[in-house]
PDB file of N, CA and C in Angstrom:
ATOM      1  N   VAL A   1      95.431  91.998  83.024  1.00  0.00           N
ATOM      2  CA  VAL A   1      96.066  92.890  83.978  1.00  0.00           C
ATOM      3  C   VAL A   1      97.577  92.841  83.769  1.00  0.00           C
ATOM      4  N   GLN A   2      98.204  94.004  83.820  1.00  0.00           N
ATOM      5  CA  GLN A   2      99.662  94.092  83.694  1.00  0.00           C
ATOM      6  C   GLN A   2     100.263  94.315  85.076  1.00  0.00           C
ATOM      7  N   LEU A   3     101.379  93.647  85.325  1.00  0.00           N
ATOM      8  CA  LEU A   3     102.020  93.695  86.637  1.00  0.00           C
ATOM      9  C   LEU A   3     103.453  94.180  86.519  1.00  0.00           C
ATOM     10  N   GLN A   4     103.850  95.023  87.459  1.00  0.00           N
ATOM     11  CA  GLN A   4     105.200  95.577  87.478  1.00  0.00           C
ATOM     12  C   GLN A   4     105.750  95.444  88.886  1.00  0.00           C
ATOM     13  N   ALA A   5     106.759  94.584  89.049  1.00  0.00           N
ATOM     14  CA  ALA A   5     107.390  94.384  90.351  1.00  0.00           C
ATOM     15  C   ALA A   5     108.597  95.296  90.502  1.00  0.00           C
ATOM     16  N   SER A   6     108.839  95.704  91.745  1.00  0.00           N
ATOM     17  CA  SER A   6     109.993  96.551  92.040  1.00  0.00           C
ATOM     18  C   SER A   6     110.380  96.378  93.503  1.00  0.00           C
ATOM     19  N   GLY A   7     111.530  96.959  93.867  1.00  0.00           N
ATOM     20  CA  GLY A   7     111.932  96.965  95.260  1.00  0.00           C
ATOM     21  C   GLY A   7     113.062  96.016  95.618  1.00  0.00           C
ATOM     22  N   GLY A   8     113.502  95.218  94.671  1.00  0.00           N
ATOM     23  CA  GLY A   8     114.600  94.309  94.949  1.00  0.00           C
ATOM     24  C   GLY A   8     115.895  95.064  95.186  1.00  0.00           C
ATOM     25  N   GLY A   9     116.885  94.339  95.703  1.00  0.00           N
ATOM     26  CA  GLY A   9     118.172  94.960  95.953  1.00  0.00           C
ATOM     27  C   GLY A   9     119.098  94.032  96.695  1.00  0.00           C
ATOM     28  N   PHE A  10     120.154  94.622  97.230  1.00  0.00           N
ATOM     29  CA  PHE A  10     121.183  93.876  97.944  1.00  0.00           C
ATOM     30  C   PHE A  10     121.057  94.202  99.423  1.00  0.00           C
ATOM     31  N   VAL A  11     121.068  93.164 100.254  1.00  0.00           N
ATOM     32  CA  VAL A  11     120.918  93.373 101.686  1.00  0.00           C
ATOM     33  C   VAL A  11     121.728  92.315 102.421  1.00  0.00           C
ATOM     34  N   GLN A  12     122.168  92.634 103.610  1.00  0.00           N
ATOM     35  CA  GLN A  12     122.920  91.669 104.417  1.00  0.00           C
ATOM     36  C   GLN A  12     121.972  90.765 105.194  1.00  0.00           C
ATOM     37  N   THR A  13     122.481  89.628 105.611  1.00  0.00           N
ATOM     38  CA  THR A  13     121.707  88.689 106.415  1.00  0.00           C
ATOM     39  C   THR A  13     121.104  89.394 107.624  1.00  0.00           C
ATOM     40  N   GLY A  14     119.829  89.139 107.840  1.00  0.00           N
ATOM     41  CA  GLY A  14     119.123  89.771 108.936  1.00  0.00           C
ATOM     42  C   GLY A  14     118.437  91.074 108.572  1.00  0.00           C
ATOM     43  N   GLY A  15     118.705  91.564 107.371  1.00  0.00           N
ATOM     44  CA  GLY A  15     118.122  92.821 106.946  1.00  0.00           C
ATOM     45  C   GLY A  15     116.702  92.676 106.411  1.00  0.00           C
ATOM     46  N   SER A  16     116.162  93.784 105.932  1.00  0.00           N
ATOM     47  CA  SER A  16     114.780  93.830 105.455  1.00  0.00           C
ATOM     48  C   SER A  16     114.696  94.505 104.089  1.00  0.00           C
ATOM     49  N   LEU A  17     113.683  94.115 103.339  1.00  0.00           N
ATOM     50  CA  LEU A  17     113.343  94.751 102.075  1.00  0.00           C
ATOM     51  C   LEU A  17     111.832  94.714 101.918  1.00  0.00           C
ATOM     52  N   ARG A  18     111.285  95.663 101.162  1.00  0.00           N
ATOM     53  CA  ARG A  18     109.867  95.614 100.818  1.00  0.00           C
ATOM     54  C   ARG A  18     109.726  95.644  99.306  1.00  0.00           C
ATOM     55  N   LEU A  19     109.117  94.618  98.782  1.00  0.00           N
ATOM     56  CA  LEU A  19     108.826  94.548  97.355  1.00  0.00           C
ATOM     57  C   LEU A  19     107.437  95.114  97.084  1.00  0.00           C
ATOM     58  N   SER A  20     107.278  95.685  95.905  1.00  0.00           N
ATOM     59  CA  SER A  20     105.980  96.191  95.470  1.00  0.00           C
ATOM     60  C   SER A  20     105.628  95.596  94.121  1.00  0.00           C
ATOM     61  N   CYS A  21     104.353  95.451  93.882  1.00  0.00           N
ATOM     62  CA  CYS A  21     103.855  94.985  92.591  1.00  0.00           C
ATOM     63  C   CYS A  21     102.674  95.870  92.217  1.00  0.00           C
ATOM     64  N   GLU A  22     102.847  96.695  91.217  1.00  0.00           N
ATOM     65  CA  GLU A  22     101.792  97.604  90.785  1.00  0.00           C
ATOM     66  C   GLU A  22     101.047  96.989  89.613  1.00  0.00           C
ATOM     67  N   ALA A  23      99.723  97.034  89.682  1.00  0.00           N
ATOM     68  CA  ALA A  23      98.892  96.445  88.643  1.00  0.00           C
ATOM     69  C   ALA A  23      98.160  97.527  87.871  1.00  0.00           C
ATOM     70  N   SER A  24      97.892  97.240  86.612  1.00  0.00           N
ATOM     71  CA  SER A  24      97.129  98.168  85.796  1.00  0.00           C
ATOM     72  C   SER A  24      96.279  97.388  84.809  1.00  0.00           C
ATOM     73  N   GLY A  25      95.192  97.988  84.375  1.00  0.00           N
ATOM     74  CA  GLY A  25      94.402  97.399  83.312  1.00  0.00           C
ATOM     75  C   GLY A  25      93.064  96.831  83.725  1.00  0.00           C
ATOM     76  N   ARG A  26      92.886  96.451  84.951  1.00  0.00           N
ATOM     77  CA  ARG A  26      91.624  95.857  85.389  1.00  0.00           C
ATOM     78  C   ARG A  26      91.343  96.262  86.829  1.00  0.00           C
ATOM     79  N   THR A  27      90.160  95.897  87.335  1.00  0.00           N
ATOM     80  CA  THR A  27      89.823  96.159  88.727  1.00  0.00           C
ATOM     81  C   THR A  27      90.684  95.273  89.619  1.00  0.00           C
ATOM     82  N   PHE A  28      91.592  95.890  90.341  1.00  0.00           N
ATOM     83  CA  PHE A  28      92.619  95.173  91.084  1.00  0.00           C
ATOM     84  C   PHE A  28      92.028  94.205  92.097  1.00  0.00           C
ATOM     85  N   SER A  29      90.966  94.610  92.779  1.00  0.00           N
ATOM     86  CA  SER A  29      90.407  93.777  93.840  1.00  0.00           C
ATOM     87  C   SER A  29      89.739  92.505  93.315  1.00  0.00           C
ATOM     88  N   ASN A  30      89.570  92.382  92.026  1.00  0.00           N
ATOM     89  CA  ASN A  30      88.995  91.166  91.436  1.00  0.00           C
ATOM     90  C   ASN A  30      90.012  90.041  91.298  1.00  0.00           C
ATOM     91  N   TYR A  31      91.259  90.327  91.664  1.00  0.00           N
ATOM     92  CA  TYR A  31      92.333  89.372  91.473  1.00  0.00           C
ATOM     93  C   TYR A  31      92.979  88.985  92.792  1.00  0.00           C
ATOM     94  N   ALA A  32      93.064  87.693  93.055  1.00  0.00           N
ATOM     95  CA  ALA A  32      93.970  87.231  94.095  1.00  0.00           C
ATOM     96  C   ALA A  32      95.387  87.361  93.542  1.00  0.00           C
ATOM     97  N   MET A  33      96.313  87.666  94.426  1.00  0.00           N
ATOM     98  CA  MET A  33      97.678  87.936  94.003  1.00  0.00           C
ATOM     99  C   MET A  33      98.647  87.024  94.746  1.00  0.00           C
ATOM    100  N   ALA A  34      99.843  86.901  94.204  1.00  0.00           N
ATOM    101  CA  ALA A  34     100.839  86.041  94.844  1.00  0.00           C
ATOM    102  C   ALA A  34     102.250  86.507  94.515  1.00  0.00           C
ATOM    103  N   TRP A  35     103.158  86.077  95.343  1.00  0.00           N
ATOM    104  CA  TRP A  35     104.591  86.222  95.086  1.00  0.00           C
ATOM    105  C   TRP A  35     105.187  84.828  94.919  1.00  0.00           C
ATOM    106  N   PHE A  36     106.040  84.694  93.920  1.00  0.00           N
ATOM    107  CA  PHE A  36     106.857  83.513  93.708  1.00  0.00           C
ATOM    108  C   PHE A  36     108.306  83.965  93.651  1.00  0.00           C
ATOM    109  N   ARG A  37     109.212  83.008  93.750  1.00  0.00           N
ATOM    110  CA  ARG A  37     110.623  83.342  93.602  1.00  0.00           C
ATOM    111  C   ARG A  37     111.359  82.206  92.912  1.00  0.00           C
ATOM    112  N   GLN A  38     112.454  82.577  92.266  1.00  0.00           N
ATOM    113  CA  GLN A  38     113.264  81.596  91.556  1.00  0.00           C
ATOM    114  C   GLN A  38     114.730  81.864  91.827  1.00  0.00           C
ATOM    115  N   ALA A  39     115.354  80.933  92.523  1.00  0.00           N
ATOM    116  CA  ALA A  39     116.773  81.021  92.799  1.00  0.00           C
ATOM    117  C   ALA A  39     117.557  80.454  91.619  1.00  0.00           C
ATOM    118  N   PRO A  40     118.817  80.832  91.482  1.00  0.00           N
ATOM    119  CA  PRO A  40     119.617  80.329  90.358  1.00  0.00           C
ATOM    120  C   PRO A  40     119.638  78.805  90.322  1.00  0.00           C
ATOM    121  N   GLY A  41     119.316  78.248  89.172  1.00  0.00           N
ATOM    122  CA  GLY A  41     119.356  76.806  89.001  1.00  0.00           C
ATOM    123  C   GLY A  41     118.216  76.042  89.622  1.00  0.00           C
ATOM    124  N   LYS A  42     117.210  76.749  90.119  1.00  0.00           N
ATOM    125  CA  LYS A  42     116.090  76.084  90.783  1.00  0.00           C
ATOM    126  C   LYS A  42     114.777  76.427  90.108  1.00  0.00           C
ATOM    127  N   GLU A  43     113.752  75.650  90.457  1.00  0.00           N
ATOM    128  CA  GLU A  43     112.416  75.899  89.945  1.00  0.00           C
ATOM    129  C   GLU A  43     111.822  77.137  90.625  1.00  0.00           C
ATOM    130  N   ARG A  44     110.887  77.773  89.933  1.00  0.00           N
ATOM    131  CA  ARG A  44     110.156  78.875  90.536  1.00  0.00           C
ATOM    132  C   ARG A  44     109.249  78.304  91.625  1.00  0.00           C
ATOM    133  N   GLU A  45     109.277  78.928  92.800  1.00  0.00           N
ATOM    134  CA  GLU A  45     108.528  78.397  93.930  1.00  0.00           C
ATOM    135  C   GLU A  45     107.623  79.448  94.545  1.00  0.00           C
ATOM    136  N   PHE A  46     106.565  78.946  95.150  1.00  0.00           N
ATOM    137  CA  PHE A  46     105.573  79.801  95.791  1.00  0.00           C
ATOM    138  C   PHE A  46     106.128  80.433  97.055  1.00  0.00           C
ATOM    139  N   VAL A  47     105.743  81.690  97.299  1.00  0.00           N
ATOM    140  CA  VAL A  47     106.136  82.378  98.523  1.00  0.00           C
ATOM    141  C   VAL A  47     104.909  82.711  99.380  1.00  0.00           C
ATOM    142  N   ALA A  48     103.955  83.440  98.800  1.00  0.00           N
ATOM    143  CA  ALA A  48     102.787  83.877  99.566  1.00  0.00           C
ATOM    144  C   ALA A  48     101.688  84.300  98.608  1.00  0.00           C
ATOM    145  N   THR A  49     100.440  84.268  99.109  1.00  0.00           N
ATOM    146  CA  THR A  49      99.312  84.700  98.312  1.00  0.00           C
ATOM    147  C   THR A  49      98.330  85.480  99.177  1.00  0.00           C
ATOM    148  N   ILE A  50      97.524  86.328  98.530  1.00  0.00           N
ATOM    149  CA  ILE A  50      96.570  87.159  99.246  1.00  0.00           C
ATOM    150  C   ILE A  50      95.305  87.268  98.407  1.00  0.00           C
ATOM    151  N   SER A  51      94.163  87.238  99.076  1.00  0.00           N
ATOM    152  CA  SER A  51      92.890  87.322  98.377  1.00  0.00           C
ATOM    153  C   SER A  51      92.648  88.740  97.864  1.00  0.00           C
ATOM    154  N   GLY A  52      91.634  88.883  97.033  1.00  0.00           N
ATOM    155  CA  GLY A  52      91.326  90.175  96.461  1.00  0.00           C
ATOM    156  C   GLY A  52      90.982  91.237  97.496  1.00  0.00           C
ATOM    157  N   SER A  53      90.331  90.839  98.555  1.00  0.00           N
ATOM    158  CA  SER A  53      89.981  91.782  99.622  1.00  0.00           C
ATOM    159  C   SER A  53      91.154  92.077 100.543  1.00  0.00           C
ATOM    160  N   GLY A  54      92.136  91.189 100.531  1.00  0.00           N
ATOM    161  CA  GLY A  54      93.263  91.322 101.452  1.00  0.00           C
ATOM    162  C   GLY A  54      93.043  90.647 102.784  1.00  0.00           C
ATOM    163  N   LEU A  55      91.868  90.032 102.975  1.00  0.00           N
ATOM    164  CA  LEU A  55      91.539  89.473 104.282  1.00  0.00           C
ATOM    165  C   LEU A  55      92.116  88.077 104.492  1.00  0.00           C
ATOM    166  N   SER A  56      92.437  87.388 103.396  1.00  0.00           N
ATOM    167  CA  SER A  56      92.980  86.032 103.507  1.00  0.00           C
ATOM    168  C   SER A  56      94.373  85.988 102.915  1.00  0.00           C
ATOM    169  N   THR A  57      95.265  85.335 103.637  1.00  0.00           N
ATOM    170  CA  THR A  57      96.639  85.170 103.175  1.00  0.00           C
ATOM    171  C   THR A  57      97.103  83.742 103.438  1.00  0.00           C
ATOM    172  N   PHE A  58      98.138  83.352 102.732  1.00  0.00           N
ATOM    173  CA  PHE A  58      98.721  82.019 102.916  1.00  0.00           C
ATOM    174  C   PHE A  58     100.191  82.103 102.557  1.00  0.00           C
ATOM    175  N   TYR A  59     101.048  81.451 103.363  1.00  0.00           N
ATOM    176  CA  TYR A  59     102.491  81.545 103.186  1.00  0.00           C
ATOM    177  C   TYR A  59     103.131  80.167 103.056  1.00  0.00           C
ATOM    178  N   ASP A  60     104.232  80.133 102.344  1.00  0.00           N
ATOM    179  CA  ASP A  60     105.075  78.956 102.404  1.00  0.00           C
ATOM    180  C   ASP A  60     105.709  78.909 103.790  1.00  0.00           C
ATOM    181  N   SER A  61     105.937  77.712 104.295  1.00  0.00           N
ATOM    182  CA  SER A  61     106.461  77.568 105.649  1.00  0.00           C
ATOM    183  C   SER A  61     107.843  78.187 105.810  1.00  0.00           C
ATOM    184  N   SER A  62     108.595  78.289 104.712  1.00  0.00           N
ATOM    185  CA  SER A  62     109.963  78.819 104.808  1.00  0.00           C
ATOM    186  C   SER A  62     109.989  80.321 105.076  1.00  0.00           C
ATOM    187  N   VAL A  63     108.890  81.010 104.816  1.00  0.00           N
ATOM    188  CA  VAL A  63     108.870  82.464 104.982  1.00  0.00           C
ATOM    189  C   VAL A  63     107.858  82.932 106.020  1.00  0.00           C
ATOM    190  N   LYS A  64     107.013  82.013 106.466  1.00  0.00           N
ATOM    191  CA  LYS A  64     106.002  82.395 107.448  1.00  0.00           C
ATOM    192  C   LYS A  64     106.671  82.955 108.686  1.00  0.00           C
ATOM    193  N   PHE A  65     106.135  84.004 109.223  1.00  0.00           N
ATOM    194  CA  PHE A  65     106.637  84.716 110.407  1.00  0.00           C
ATOM    195  C   PHE A  65     107.817  85.621 110.099  1.00  0.00           C
ATOM    196  N   ARG A  66     108.350  85.588 108.865  1.00  0.00           N
ATOM    197  CA  ARG A  66     109.387  86.532 108.462  1.00  0.00           C
ATOM    198  C   ARG A  66     108.884  87.486 107.382  1.00  0.00           C
ATOM    199  N   PHE A  67     108.031  86.988 106.497  1.00  0.00           N
ATOM    200  CA  PHE A  67     107.512  87.794 105.399  1.00  0.00           C
ATOM    201  C   PHE A  67     106.040  88.117 105.651  1.00  0.00           C
ATOM    202  N   THR A  68     105.608  89.282 105.162  1.00  0.00           N
ATOM    203  CA  THR A  68     104.199  89.662 105.250  1.00  0.00           C
ATOM    204  C   THR A  68     103.722  90.161 103.898  1.00  0.00           C
ATOM    205  N   ILE A  69     102.673  89.543 103.383  1.00  0.00           N
ATOM    206  CA  ILE A  69     102.068  89.975 102.135  1.00  0.00           C
ATOM    207  C   ILE A  69     100.889  90.881 102.460  1.00  0.00           C
ATOM    208  N   SER A  70     100.721  91.932 101.685  1.00  0.00           N
ATOM    209  CA  SER A  70      99.614  92.854 101.890  1.00  0.00           C
ATOM    210  C   SER A  70      99.268  93.518 100.563  1.00  0.00           C
ATOM    211  N   ARG A  71      98.174  94.249 100.558  1.00  0.00           N
ATOM    212  CA  ARG A  71      97.786  94.964  99.342  1.00  0.00           C
ATOM    213  C   ARG A  71      97.024  96.214  99.710  1.00  0.00           C
ATOM    214  N   ASP A  72      97.099  97.194  98.813  1.00  0.00           N
ATOM    215  CA  ASP A  72      96.337  98.429  98.925  1.00  0.00           C
ATOM    216  C   ASP A  72      95.542  98.551  97.637  1.00  0.00           C
ATOM    217  N   ASN A  73      94.279  98.189  97.693  1.00  0.00           N
ATOM    218  CA  ASN A  73      93.466  98.177  96.461  1.00  0.00           C
ATOM    219  C   ASN A  73      93.226  99.571  95.915  1.00  0.00           C
ATOM    220  N   ALA A  74      93.280 100.569  96.765  1.00  0.00           N
ATOM    221  CA  ALA A  74      93.118 101.946  96.287  1.00  0.00           C
ATOM    222  C   ALA A  74      94.311 102.385  95.438  1.00  0.00           C
ATOM    223  N   LYS A  75      95.467 101.752  95.681  1.00  0.00           N
ATOM    224  CA  LYS A  75      96.681 102.088  94.936  1.00  0.00           C
ATOM    225  C   LYS A  75      97.040 101.030  93.905  1.00  0.00           C
ATOM    226  N   ASN A  76      96.181  99.999  93.776  1.00  0.00           N
ATOM    227  CA  ASN A  76      96.447  98.917  92.823  1.00  0.00           C
ATOM    228  C   ASN A  76      97.826  98.306  93.039  1.00  0.00           C
ATOM    229  N   THR A  77      98.205  98.125  94.273  1.00  0.00           N
ATOM    230  CA  THR A  77      99.550  97.672  94.589  1.00  0.00           C
ATOM    231  C   THR A  77      99.535  96.590  95.661  1.00  0.00           C
ATOM    232  N   MET A  78     100.371  95.588  95.445  1.00  0.00           N
ATOM    233  CA  MET A  78     100.603  94.532  96.418  1.00  0.00           C
ATOM    234  C   MET A  78     102.025  94.677  96.956  1.00  0.00           C
ATOM    235  N   TYR A  79     102.227  94.225  98.189  1.00  0.00           N
ATOM    236  CA  TYR A  79     103.535  94.359  98.814  1.00  0.00           C
ATOM    237  C   TYR A  79     104.000  93.027  99.389  1.00  0.00           C
ATOM    238  N   LEU A  80     105.313  92.913  99.567  1.00  0.00           N
ATOM    239  CA  LEU A  80     105.884  91.812 100.320  1.00  0.00           C
ATOM    240  C   LEU A  80     106.956  92.404 101.228  1.00  0.00           C
ATOM    241  N   GLN A  81     106.647  92.492 102.504  1.00  0.00           N
ATOM    242  CA  GLN A  81     107.614  92.943 103.493  1.00  0.00           C
ATOM    243  C   GLN A  81     108.434  91.732 103.925  1.00  0.00           C
ATOM    244  N   MET A  82     109.732  91.817 103.718  1.00  0.00           N
ATOM    245  CA  MET A  82     110.618  90.695 104.018  1.00  0.00           C
ATOM    246  C   MET A  82     111.573  91.108 105.133  1.00  0.00           C
ATOM    247  N   ASN A  83     111.473  90.422 106.249  1.00  0.00           N
ATOM    248  CA  ASN A  83     112.326  90.693 107.403  1.00  0.00           C
ATOM    249  C   ASN A  83     113.206  89.488 107.703  1.00  0.00           C
ATOM    250  N   ARG A  84     114.264  89.718 108.463  1.00  0.00           N
ATOM    251  CA  ARG A  84     115.186  88.647 108.852  1.00  0.00           C
ATOM    252  C   ARG A  84     115.606  87.826 107.637  1.00  0.00           C
ATOM    253  N   LEU A  85     116.032  88.527 106.616  1.00  0.00           N
ATOM    254  CA  LEU A  85     116.415  87.861 105.370  1.00  0.00           C
ATOM    255  C   LEU A  85     117.639  86.975 105.559  1.00  0.00           C
ATOM    256  N   GLU A  86     117.630  85.883 104.823  1.00  0.00           N
ATOM    257  CA  GLU A  86     118.693  84.888 104.879  1.00  0.00           C
ATOM    258  C   GLU A  86     119.271  84.693 103.481  1.00  0.00           C
ATOM    259  N   PRO A  87     120.508  84.227 103.372  1.00  0.00           N
ATOM    260  CA  PRO A  87     121.073  83.982 102.028  1.00  0.00           C
ATOM    261  C   PRO A  87     120.184  83.076 101.177  1.00  0.00           C
ATOM    262  N   GLU A  88     119.463  82.161 101.815  1.00  0.00           N
ATOM    263  CA  GLU A  88     118.578  81.255 101.075  1.00  0.00           C
ATOM    264  C   GLU A  88     117.399  81.982 100.437  1.00  0.00           C
ATOM    265  N   ASP A  89     117.162  83.215 100.818  1.00  0.00           N
ATOM    266  CA  ASP A  89     116.086  84.010 100.215  1.00  0.00           C
ATOM    267  C   ASP A  89     116.528  84.679  98.919  1.00  0.00           C
ATOM    268  N   THR A  90     117.805  84.576  98.583  1.00  0.00           N
ATOM    269  CA  THR A  90     118.303  85.157  97.342  1.00  0.00           C
ATOM    270  C   THR A  90     117.608  84.528  96.147  1.00  0.00           C
ATOM    271  N   ALA A  91     116.989  85.369  95.321  1.00  0.00           N
ATOM    272  CA  ALA A  91     116.217  84.877  94.177  1.00  0.00           C
ATOM    273  C   ALA A  91     115.675  86.066  93.397  1.00  0.00           C
ATOM    274  N   VAL A  92     115.167  85.766  92.222  1.00  0.00           N
ATOM    275  CA  VAL A  92     114.344  86.724  91.504  1.00  0.00           C
ATOM    276  C   VAL A  92     112.910  86.522  91.972  1.00  0.00           C
ATOM    277  N   TYR A  93     112.284  87.587  92.403  1.00  0.00           N
ATOM    278  CA  TYR A  93     110.922  87.527  92.942  1.00  0.00           C
ATOM    279  C   TYR A  93     109.941  88.020  91.879  1.00  0.00           C
ATOM    280  N   TYR A  94     108.880  87.238  91.674  1.00  0.00           N
ATOM    281  CA  TYR A  94     107.869  87.541  90.678  1.00  0.00           C
ATOM    282  C   TYR A  94     106.515  87.737  91.349  1.00  0.00           C
ATOM    283  N   CYS A  95     105.745  88.706  90.866  1.00  0.00           N
ATOM    284  CA  CYS A  95     104.363  88.811  91.312  1.00  0.00           C
ATOM    285  C   CYS A  95     103.451  88.197  90.250  1.00  0.00           C
ATOM    286  N   ALA A  96     102.323  87.686  90.716  1.00  0.00           N
ATOM    287  CA  ALA A  96     101.394  86.996  89.840  1.00  0.00           C
ATOM    288  C   ALA A  96      99.965  87.286  90.266  1.00  0.00           C
ATOM    289  N   ALA A  97      99.034  87.117  89.329  1.00  0.00           N
ATOM    290  CA  ALA A  97      97.623  87.351  89.612  1.00  0.00           C
ATOM    291  C   ALA A  97      96.783  86.245  88.999  1.00  0.00           C
ATOM    292  N   LYS A  98      95.645  85.955  89.630  1.00  0.00           N
ATOM    293  CA  LYS A  98      94.697  84.988  89.085  1.00  0.00           C
ATOM    294  C   LYS A  98      93.346  85.665  88.938  1.00  0.00           C
ATOM    295  N   SER A  99      92.565  85.175  87.975  1.00  0.00           N
ATOM    296  CA  SER A  99      91.291  85.814  87.638  1.00  0.00           C
ATOM    297  C   SER A  99      90.175  85.422  88.581  1.00  0.00           C
ATOM    298  N   SER A 100      90.433  85.532  89.861  1.00  0.00           N
ATOM    299  CA  SER A 100      89.439  85.305  90.897  1.00  0.00           C
ATOM    300  C   SER A 100      89.951  85.986  92.158  1.00  0.00           C
ATOM    301  N   PRO A 101      89.066  86.598  92.922  1.00  0.00           N
ATOM    302  CA  PRO A 101      89.535  87.259  94.143  1.00  0.00           C
ATOM    303  C   PRO A 101      89.683  86.315  95.334  1.00  0.00           C
ATOM    304  N   VAL A 102      89.259  85.058  95.143  1.00  0.00           N
ATOM    305  CA  VAL A 102      89.177  84.116  96.251  1.00  0.00           C
ATOM    306  C   VAL A 102      90.367  83.156  96.217  1.00  0.00           C
ATOM    307  N   LEU A 103      90.924  82.864  97.371  1.00  0.00           N
ATOM    308  CA  LEU A 103      91.980  81.864  97.440  1.00  0.00           C
ATOM    309  C   LEU A 103      91.383  80.473  97.269  1.00  0.00           C
ATOM    310  N   SER A 104      92.115  79.616  96.587  1.00  0.00           N
ATOM    311  CA  SER A 104      91.669  78.236  96.415  1.00  0.00           C
ATOM    312  C   SER A 104      91.547  77.557  97.782  1.00  0.00           C
ATOM    313  N   PRO A 105      90.560  76.675  97.941  1.00  0.00           N
ATOM    314  CA  PRO A 105      90.438  75.945  99.205  1.00  0.00           C
ATOM    315  C   PRO A 105      91.547  74.923  99.417  1.00  0.00           C
ATOM    316  N   SER A 106      92.251  74.559  98.354  1.00  0.00           N
ATOM    317  CA  SER A 106      93.317  73.574  98.497  1.00  0.00           C
ATOM    318  C   SER A 106      94.674  74.260  98.476  1.00  0.00           C
ATOM    319  N   GLU A 107      95.617  73.662  99.206  1.00  0.00           N
ATOM    320  CA  GLU A 107      96.966  74.232  99.222  1.00  0.00           C
ATOM    321  C   GLU A 107      97.580  74.173  97.841  1.00  0.00           C
ATOM    322  N   ALA A 108      97.345  73.091  97.130  1.00  0.00           N
ATOM    323  CA  ALA A 108      97.899  72.974  95.777  1.00  0.00           C
ATOM    324  C   ALA A 108      97.373  74.088  94.882  1.00  0.00           C
ATOM    325  N   GLY A 109      96.100  74.396  95.037  1.00  0.00           N
ATOM    326  CA  GLY A 109      95.519  75.454  94.228  1.00  0.00           C
ATOM    327  C   GLY A 109      96.074  76.820  94.549  1.00  0.00           C
ATOM    328  N   ARG A 110      96.507  77.010  95.773  1.00  0.00           N
ATOM    329  CA  ARG A 110      97.065  78.296  96.191  1.00  0.00           C
ATOM    330  C   ARG A 110      98.511  78.451  95.756  1.00  0.00           C
ATOM    331  N   THR A 111      99.242  77.348  95.676  1.00  0.00           N
ATOM    332  CA  THR A 111     100.687  77.429  95.495  1.00  0.00           C
ATOM    333  C   THR A 111     101.168  77.074  94.093  1.00  0.00           C
ATOM    334  N   SER A 112     100.292  76.541  93.263  1.00  0.00           N
ATOM    335  CA  SER A 112     100.705  76.120  91.928  1.00  0.00           C
ATOM    336  C   SER A 112     100.890  77.302  91.008  1.00  0.00           C
ATOM    337  N   ARG A 113     101.971  77.291  90.247  1.00  0.00           N
ATOM    338  CA  ARG A 113     102.187  78.356  89.258  1.00  0.00           C
ATOM    339  C   ARG A 113     101.070  78.376  88.229  1.00  0.00           C
ATOM    340  N   ASN A 114     100.525  77.231  87.942  1.00  0.00           N
ATOM    341  CA  ASN A 114      99.486  77.129  86.908  1.00  0.00           C
ATOM    342  C   ASN A 114      98.182  77.819  87.308  1.00  0.00           C
ATOM    343  N   ALA A 115      98.030  78.122  88.589  1.00  0.00           N
ATOM    344  CA  ALA A 115      96.811  78.781  89.049  1.00  0.00           C
ATOM    345  C   ALA A 115      96.800  80.264  88.713  1.00  0.00           C
ATOM    346  N   TYR A 116      97.931  80.807  88.341  1.00  0.00           N
ATOM    347  CA  TYR A 116      98.062  82.244  88.126  1.00  0.00           C
ATOM    348  C   TYR A 116      98.321  82.511  86.647  1.00  0.00           C
ATOM    349  N   GLY A 117      97.440  83.301  86.057  1.00  0.00           N
ATOM    350  CA  GLY A 117      97.526  83.515  84.621  1.00  0.00           C
ATOM    351  C   GLY A 117      98.270  84.764  84.202  1.00  0.00           C
ATOM    352  N   TYR A 118      98.608  85.603  85.171  1.00  0.00           N
ATOM    353  CA  TYR A 118      99.260  86.872  84.859  1.00  0.00           C
ATOM    354  C   TYR A 118     100.536  86.987  85.697  1.00  0.00           C
ATOM    355  N   TRP A 119     101.599  87.418  85.031  1.00  0.00           N
ATOM    356  CA  TRP A 119     102.903  87.491  85.691  1.00  0.00           C
ATOM    357  C   TRP A 119     103.575  88.814  85.365  1.00  0.00           C
ATOM    358  N   GLY A 120     104.274  89.338  86.362  1.00  0.00           N
ATOM    359  CA  GLY A 120     105.109  90.496  86.135  1.00  0.00           C
ATOM    360  C   GLY A 120     106.538  90.069  85.865  1.00  0.00           C
ATOM    361  N   GLN A 121     107.361  91.035  85.516  1.00  0.00           N
ATOM    362  CA  GLN A 121     108.779  90.724  85.386  1.00  0.00           C
ATOM    363  C   GLN A 121     109.358  90.585  86.790  1.00  0.00           C
ATOM    364  N   GLY A 122     110.474  89.975  86.941  1.00  0.00           N
ATOM    365  CA  GLY A 122     111.026  89.740  88.257  1.00  0.00           C
ATOM    366  C   GLY A 122     111.824  90.915  88.775  1.00  0.00           C
ATOM    367  N   THR A 123     112.041  90.873  90.083  1.00  0.00           N
ATOM    368  CA  THR A 123     112.936  91.823  90.728  1.00  0.00           C
ATOM    369  C   THR A 123     113.905  91.019  91.596  1.00  0.00           C
ATOM    370  N   LEU A 124     115.194  91.319  91.472  1.00  0.00           N
ATOM    371  CA  LEU A 124     116.226  90.508  92.097  1.00  0.00           C
ATOM    372  C   LEU A 124     116.471  90.925  93.543  1.00  0.00           C
ATOM    373  N   VAL A 125     116.469  89.934  94.418  1.00  0.00           N
ATOM    374  CA  VAL A 125     116.827  90.119  95.818  1.00  0.00           C
ATOM    375  C   VAL A 125     118.085  89.307  96.096  1.00  0.00           C
ATOM    376  N   THR A 126     119.101  89.966  96.587  1.00  0.00           N
ATOM    377  CA  THR A 126     120.355  89.293  96.919  1.00  0.00           C
ATOM    378  C   THR A 126     120.654  89.516  98.394  1.00  0.00           C
ATOM    379  N   VAL A 127     120.819  88.420  99.124  1.00  0.00           N
ATOM    380  CA  VAL A 127     121.108  88.489 100.550  1.00  0.00           C
ATOM    381  C   VAL A 127     122.513  87.942 100.774  1.00  0.00           C
ATOM    382  N   SER A 128     123.395  88.770 101.288  1.00  0.00           N
ATOM    383  CA  SER A 128     124.771  88.343 101.515  1.00  0.00           C
ATOM    384  C   SER A 128     124.913  87.747 102.909  1.00  0.00           C
ATOM    385  N   SER A 129     125.829  86.794 103.016  1.00  0.00           N
ATOM    386  CA  SER A 129     126.065  86.131 104.311  1.00  0.00           C
ATOM    387  C   SER A 129     127.147  86.848 105.108  1.00  0.00           C
TER     388      SER A 129
END
């Protein structure tokens, strides 16, 4: 599956952005999807994940209640609605997919980069203070 992320940009503290990740090449609903991010000089870190059906989601504690992950399987697209953005959210955001529609029962399995075999290019989000 090929992934294309978009929607990044520049926003002030407290603002909102919606990222999109469009997939092509395979049956989209067969893949659990995720967002990761990488800030300058830091490791790539988990943000959120969603099951193939869209019924199950899991968030990193730093974004829970501010970010919402969703998907539209008819459009082969995943989204990340980001509200109340903070300067600490500044990063390149990557979408990823794994060859299973089910979320791992373990937190490590849900959040590890190694669990996802497909990656899109990043989209930059910059939050000014």
